[in-house]
Each structure stands twice: as structure tokens, then as C-alpha cells.
Protein backbone atom coordinates (compact mmCIF):
# COMPACT_ATOMS: atom_id res chain seq x y z
CA MET A 1 11.80 -14.18 -29.37
CA ASN A 2 10.52 -17.70 -29.80
CA LYS A 3 7.78 -19.11 -27.55
CA GLU A 4 10.15 -21.46 -25.70
CA SER A 5 12.48 -18.60 -24.72
CA ARG A 6 9.51 -16.37 -23.80
CA ASP A 7 8.15 -19.13 -21.55
CA LYS A 8 11.57 -19.50 -19.88
CA VAL A 9 11.75 -15.76 -19.18
CA MET A 10 8.24 -15.72 -17.70
CA ALA A 11 9.06 -18.80 -15.59
CA ALA A 12 12.20 -17.01 -14.32
CA VAL A 13 10.10 -14.00 -13.25
CA ASP A 14 7.64 -16.38 -11.56
CA TRP A 15 10.47 -18.18 -9.73
CA SER A 16 11.87 -14.87 -8.49
CA GLY A 17 8.40 -13.84 -7.28
CA ARG A 18 8.07 -17.11 -5.34
CA LEU A 19 11.47 -16.42 -3.76
CA LEU A 20 10.24 -12.97 -2.67
CA SER A 21 7.21 -14.52 -1.02
CA ARG A 22 9.48 -16.67 1.18
CA ILE A 23 11.90 -14.04 2.49
CA PRO A 24 11.45 -11.29 5.11
CA SER A 25 9.49 -8.19 4.22
CA GLY A 26 10.30 -5.91 7.15
CA TRP A 27 11.94 -2.51 6.84
CA PRO A 28 15.75 -2.78 7.18
CA ILE A 29 16.94 -1.25 10.45
CA GLU A 30 20.05 -0.07 8.60
CA PHE A 31 18.00 2.41 6.57
CA PRO A 32 16.80 5.85 7.50
CA PRO A 33 13.11 6.53 6.78
CA LYS A 34 12.41 6.46 3.03
CA THR A 35 11.39 10.13 3.21
CA ASP A 36 14.83 11.09 4.58
CA ILE A 37 17.00 13.08 2.18
CA GLY A 38 19.80 10.54 2.64
CA PHE A 39 17.73 7.43 1.99
CA TRP A 40 18.87 6.63 -1.57
CA ARG A 41 22.45 7.53 -0.75
CA GLU A 42 22.43 5.04 2.12
CA ALA A 43 20.67 2.43 -0.03
CA ALA A 44 23.35 2.77 -2.72
CA ARG A 45 26.14 2.60 -0.13
CA LEU A 46 24.73 -0.51 1.55
CA GLU A 47 24.07 -2.18 -1.79
CA PHE A 48 27.73 -1.72 -2.68
CA LEU A 49 28.87 -3.12 0.68
CA THR A 50 26.60 -6.17 0.60
CA ARG A 51 26.63 -7.03 -3.12
CA SER A 52 29.29 -9.78 -3.09
CA SER A 53 27.97 -11.60 -0.04
CA LEU A 54 24.37 -11.36 -1.24
CA HIS A 55 25.32 -12.71 -4.66
CA GLU A 56 27.02 -15.66 -3.01
CA LYS A 57 23.85 -16.37 -1.02
CA MET A 58 21.70 -15.96 -4.13
CA ARG A 59 23.79 -18.49 -6.03
CA ASN A 60 23.12 -20.95 -3.19
CA VAL A 61 19.34 -20.63 -3.33
CA PRO A 62 18.06 -24.02 -4.50
CA GLU A 63 15.84 -24.15 -7.55
CA ASP A 64 12.96 -25.68 -5.57
CA LEU A 65 13.36 -22.95 -2.89
CA SER A 66 13.81 -25.56 -0.18
CA LEU A 67 16.31 -24.89 2.59
CA LEU A 68 16.71 -21.22 1.78
CA PRO A 69 19.63 -19.37 3.32
CA GLU A 70 18.52 -16.95 6.01
CA PHE A 71 18.07 -13.46 4.59
CA SER A 72 18.02 -10.30 6.69
CA ASP A 73 15.49 -7.54 6.05
CA LEU A 74 18.26 -5.58 4.32
CA GLU A 75 19.14 -8.50 2.04
CA ALA A 76 15.45 -9.04 1.29
CA TRP A 77 15.09 -5.37 0.33
CA MET A 78 18.09 -5.74 -1.99
CA ILE A 79 16.57 -8.89 -3.52
CA LEU A 80 13.35 -6.97 -4.15
CA ARG A 81 15.34 -4.36 -6.10
CA ARG A 82 16.91 -7.19 -8.11
CA HIS A 83 13.47 -8.72 -8.75
CA GLU A 84 12.27 -5.37 -10.10
CA PHE A 85 15.35 -5.32 -12.33
CA LEU A 86 14.58 -8.88 -13.50
CA VAL A 87 11.02 -7.87 -14.44
CA SER A 88 12.31 -4.85 -16.38
CA SER A 89 14.97 -6.97 -18.08
CA ALA A 90 12.39 -9.61 -18.96
CA ILE A 91 10.24 -7.03 -20.74
CA ILE A 92 13.23 -5.82 -22.76
CA VAL A 93 14.43 -9.34 -23.57
CA MET A 94 10.96 -10.46 -24.69
CA GLU A 95 10.70 -7.49 -27.04
CA THR A 96 13.98 -8.46 -28.72
CA ASP A 97 13.45 -10.77 -31.68
CA ASN A 98 16.89 -12.31 -31.97
CA ILE A 99 17.43 -13.52 -28.39
CA GLU A 100 17.07 -17.14 -27.40
CA ILE A 101 17.35 -18.18 -23.77
CA ALA A 102 19.44 -21.34 -23.54
CA ASP A 103 19.42 -21.45 -19.74
CA THR A 104 16.73 -23.03 -17.63
CA PRO A 105 14.35 -20.48 -16.05
CA TYR A 106 16.17 -20.92 -12.72
CA GLU A 107 19.60 -20.35 -14.29
CA PHE A 108 18.31 -17.33 -16.18
CA ALA A 109 16.80 -15.86 -12.99
CA ILE A 110 19.99 -16.34 -10.97
CA SER A 111 22.05 -14.88 -13.81
CA VAL A 112 19.93 -11.73 -14.00
CA LEU A 113 19.70 -11.38 -10.21
CA THR A 114 23.49 -11.60 -9.83
CA ASP A 115 25.56 -11.19 -13.01
CA TRP A 116 23.26 -8.80 -14.89
CA TRP A 117 22.71 -6.86 -11.68
CA GLU A 118 26.49 -6.57 -11.28
CA SER A 119 26.95 -5.22 -14.79
CA ASP A 120 23.84 -3.03 -15.13
CA GLY A 121 21.30 -3.11 -12.32
CA CYS A 122 23.45 -1.73 -9.52
CA HIS A 123 24.31 1.23 -11.74
CA SER A 124 20.61 1.95 -12.15
CA LEU A 125 20.19 2.02 -8.37
CA PHE A 126 23.08 4.45 -8.00
CA GLU A 127 21.84 6.61 -10.88
CA HIS A 128 18.43 6.72 -9.25
CA ALA A 129 20.11 7.99 -6.10
CA ILE A 130 21.85 10.85 -7.92
CA GLY A 131 19.45 11.54 -10.77
CA ARG A 132 19.97 10.95 -14.47
CA GLU A 133 21.37 13.10 -17.23
CA GLY A 134 21.70 16.03 -14.89
CA ALA A 135 18.01 15.96 -13.97
CA GLN A 136 17.29 15.28 -10.34
CA ASN A 137 14.92 12.40 -9.60
CA PRO A 138 12.18 13.64 -7.26
CA ASP A 139 13.50 11.46 -4.43
CA ALA A 140 17.20 11.57 -5.35
CA ASP A 141 19.81 12.62 -2.85
CA ALA A 142 21.20 15.99 -3.96
CA ARG A 143 24.42 15.40 -2.01
CA LEU A 144 25.41 12.58 -4.38
CA LYS A 145 25.48 14.87 -7.40
CA ASP A 146 29.04 15.87 -6.52
CA VAL A 147 30.25 12.26 -6.30
CA ILE A 148 30.35 11.77 -10.06
CA LYS A 149 31.51 14.51 -12.38
CA ASP A 150 30.82 14.19 -16.11
């Protein structure tokens, strides 16, 4: 990856981090305690239910972060998951030699936080809830194992 594209990716991660610093950080009242066996199942369910409306709000976040839409604690928690996904994606993208980022850092961030999340990130959240490749994640919800059959 060339330096210009690498700088854009890092600026996108920085922009997303600044967004996180300006939104609520309380625990969503919609969630059970994180130690509850049903936590990840409920997180996956609520992510599915709120994805479209949250993406619409995300696309309306201005680049300079002025006049932010109001985000609930639940939406903020979901944005944090997307930020984590953006950081992971940034690491992968920067290790790939043949990728050039044509977008501005802001456009790249919004694209990863919405479009890439839609195609890949949300699946990772659900897979975390049920475990991967038949192996249970330590905090996965065993009841979700029956939802998807190989």
C-alpha cells in the first residue's frame, strides 16, 4: 500500500475515534448484563433490528463532527463495534500491497462503518455470538448454535 493510501486509512481510524469520543458511553438499557448467557444473542438480535436506521444516521454524520445526530447508548455501543471492525479492517488493508484508497478518509470511514459492516462486520458479530467453526467462543450463547445448521 502506498503512503498516501496508508495515511488515508489511519486518518479514517482517527476520525472514527473522534466520533466515539463525542457519543454516549453508557450501558444500553436494552441489554442484559454482559455476563448473562443471553448477552451476545440479544446483541446480535438488536444489531439486526437497528442496522438500517443506524446506517442512515451514520451517513448523516458530518465530516467535521459538528451537529451530530443524537445517538442512544445502544446506537453508541453498536458504533463502537463498528469502530473495532474499522480498526481490524484497516490493519488488513494496510498489509495488502495492491490496494489504493481513492476515497477521502471520511468517505472511507463511513464506507467501512456502514457498507463493509453490512457485508462482513455484522456476520462477525453474529458468529461471535454462536462460536466459529463449531468451537464455542468462551462467551458465546450456546442457544444460538441451533439457529444455523451447516
